[in-house]
Amino acid sequence: MFIPKANRIAVFSYLFREGVCVVKKDTVSPTHPQIEGATNLEVLNLMKSLESRGYVRVTFSWQHSYCYLTPEGIEYLRGYLA
């Protein structure tokens, strides 16, 4: 899925600032409640991509994914956002 760079940077900077991101399993929602400009589907796919690389740890409960940043993820985002 193609995600515009501005949305990718908005999601990554939010995750780096907060350390955790909550994503509802809702693919048709037009916006994410905490991240301005990014859709819920974009955030969901970015977290899935970061999880497959080992940069976030995901806990799923009651149709919500709780994505926690790992130390490797902190290093990756620090380099990406620099």
C-alpha atoms as a PDB file:
ATOM      1  CA  MET A   1       0.000   0.000   0.000  1.00  0.00           C
ATOM      2  CA  PHE A   2       1.340   3.413  -0.948  1.00  0.00           C
ATOM      3  CA  ILE A   3       1.383   5.835   1.975  1.00  0.00           C
ATOM      4  CA  PRO A   4       2.324   9.487   1.326  1.00  0.00           C
ATOM      5  CA  LYS A   5       5.563  10.566   2.975  1.00  0.00           C
ATOM      6  CA  ALA A   6       3.856  13.326   4.987  1.00  0.00           C
ATOM      7  CA  ASN A   7       1.476  10.796   6.548  1.00  0.00           C
ATOM      8  CA  ARG A   8       4.303   8.340   7.206  1.00  0.00           C
ATOM      9  CA  ILE A   9       6.332  11.027   8.979  1.00  0.00           C
ATOM     10  CA  ALA A  10       3.272  12.112  10.996  1.00  0.00           C
ATOM     11  CA  VAL A  11       2.675   8.539  12.197  1.00  0.00           C
ATOM     12  CA  PHE A  12       6.352   7.869  12.930  1.00  0.00           C
ATOM     13  CA  SER A  13       6.818  11.145  14.812  1.00  0.00           C
ATOM     14  CA  TYR A  14       3.706  10.453  16.909  1.00  0.00           C
ATOM     15  CA  LEU A  15       4.957   6.956  17.724  1.00  0.00           C
ATOM     16  CA  PHE A  16       8.434   8.272  18.569  1.00  0.00           C
ATOM     17  CA  ARG A  17       7.014  11.034  20.779  1.00  0.00           C
ATOM     18  CA  GLU A  18       4.460   8.882  22.649  1.00  0.00           C
ATOM     19  CA  GLY A  19       6.137   5.453  22.562  1.00  0.00           C
ATOM     20  CA  VAL A  20       2.783   3.710  22.047  1.00  0.00           C
ATOM     21  CA  CYS A  21       0.057   3.898  19.420  1.00  0.00           C
ATOM     22  CA  VAL A  22      -3.500   2.584  19.712  1.00  0.00           C
ATOM     23  CA  VAL A  23      -5.096   1.516  16.428  1.00  0.00           C
ATOM     24  CA  LYS A  24      -8.694   0.341  16.133  1.00  0.00           C
ATOM     25  CA  LYS A  25      -9.283  -2.530  13.716  1.00  0.00           C
ATOM     26  CA  ASP A  26     -11.441  -0.394  11.437  1.00  0.00           C
ATOM     27  CA  THR A  27     -10.316  -0.201   7.824  1.00  0.00           C
ATOM     28  CA  VAL A  28     -13.017   2.200   6.626  1.00  0.00           C
ATOM     29  CA  SER A  29     -12.494   4.992   9.171  1.00  0.00           C
ATOM     30  CA  PRO A  30     -11.455   8.157   7.292  1.00  0.00           C
ATOM     31  CA  THR A  31      -9.136   9.463  10.038  1.00  0.00           C
ATOM     32  CA  HIS A  32      -7.128   8.248  13.001  1.00  0.00           C
ATOM     33  CA  PRO A  33      -8.283   9.864  16.268  1.00  0.00           C
ATOM     34  CA  GLN A  34      -4.817  10.917  17.509  1.00  0.00           C
ATOM     35  CA  ILE A  35      -2.851  11.440  14.283  1.00  0.00           C
ATOM     36  CA  GLU A  36      -3.914  14.279  12.041  1.00  0.00           C
ATOM     37  CA  GLY A  37      -3.827  13.671   8.300  1.00  0.00           C
ATOM     38  CA  ALA A  38      -3.399   9.889   8.329  1.00  0.00           C
ATOM     39  CA  THR A  39      -6.218   7.419   7.811  1.00  0.00           C
ATOM     40  CA  ASN A  40      -6.764   4.539  10.197  1.00  0.00           C
ATOM     41  CA  LEU A  41      -5.884   2.035   7.446  1.00  0.00           C
ATOM     42  CA  GLU A  42      -2.526   3.739   6.832  1.00  0.00           C
ATOM     43  CA  VAL A  43      -1.664   3.645  10.536  1.00  0.00           C
ATOM     44  CA  LEU A  44      -2.737  -0.004  10.746  1.00  0.00           C
ATOM     45  CA  ASN A  45      -0.531  -0.981   7.799  1.00  0.00           C
ATOM     46  CA  LEU A  46       2.460   1.009   9.072  1.00  0.00           C
ATOM     47  CA  MET A  47       2.226  -0.692  12.469  1.00  0.00           C
ATOM     48  CA  LYS A  48       1.961  -4.093  10.756  1.00  0.00           C
ATOM     49  CA  SER A  49       5.100  -3.293   8.755  1.00  0.00           C
ATOM     50  CA  LEU A  50       7.014  -2.130  11.832  1.00  0.00           C
ATOM     51  CA  GLU A  51       5.908  -5.254  13.714  1.00  0.00           C
ATOM     52  CA  SER A  52       7.219  -7.552  10.983  1.00  0.00           C
ATOM     53  CA  ARG A  53      10.614  -5.847  11.241  1.00  0.00           C
ATOM     54  CA  GLY A  54      10.630  -6.136  15.037  1.00  0.00           C
ATOM     55  CA  TYR A  55      10.404  -2.406  15.745  1.00  0.00           C
ATOM     56  CA  VAL A  56       7.103  -2.535  17.637  1.00  0.00           C
ATOM     57  CA  ARG A  57       5.429  -5.097  19.891  1.00  0.00           C
ATOM     58  CA  VAL A  58       1.691  -5.446  19.282  1.00  0.00           C
ATOM     59  CA  THR A  59      -0.923  -6.523  21.814  1.00  0.00           C
ATOM     60  CA  PHE A  60      -4.426  -7.048  20.412  1.00  0.00           C
ATOM     61  CA  SER A  61      -7.465  -6.726  22.663  1.00  0.00           C
ATOM     62  CA  TRP A  62     -11.116  -5.906  21.960  1.00  0.00           C
ATOM     63  CA  GLN A  63     -10.612  -4.851  18.324  1.00  0.00           C
ATOM     64  CA  HIS A  64      -7.741  -2.497  19.233  1.00  0.00           C
ATOM     65  CA  SER A  65      -4.034  -2.980  18.591  1.00  0.00           C
ATOM     66  CA  TYR A  66      -1.675  -1.523  21.179  1.00  0.00           C
ATOM     67  CA  CYS A  67       1.692  -0.980  19.508  1.00  0.00           C
ATOM     68  CA  TYR A  68       4.672  -0.477  21.833  1.00  0.00           C
ATOM     69  CA  LEU A  69       7.980   0.796  20.522  1.00  0.00           C
ATOM     70  CA  THR A  70      11.000  -1.480  21.107  1.00  0.00           C
ATOM     71  CA  PRO A  71      14.604  -0.270  21.621  1.00  0.00           C
ATOM     72  CA  GLU A  72      15.392  -1.295  18.018  1.00  0.00           C
ATOM     73  CA  GLY A  73      12.393   0.731  16.881  1.00  0.00           C
ATOM     74  CA  ILE A  74      13.628   3.784  18.756  1.00  0.00           C
ATOM     75  CA  GLU A  75      16.951   3.553  16.918  1.00  0.00           C
ATOM     76  CA  TYR A  76      15.213   3.073  13.558  1.00  0.00           C
ATOM     77  CA  LEU A  77      12.849   6.031  14.045  1.00  0.00           C
ATOM     78  CA  ARG A  78      15.660   8.224  15.321  1.00  0.00           C
ATOM     79  CA  GLY A  79      17.537   7.577  12.086  1.00  0.00           C
ATOM     80  CA  TYR A  80      14.443   7.880   9.876  1.00  0.00           C
ATOM     81  CA  LEU A  81      13.226  11.154  11.374  1.00  0.00           C
ATOM     82  CA  ALA A  82      16.676  12.794  11.549  1.00  0.00           C
END
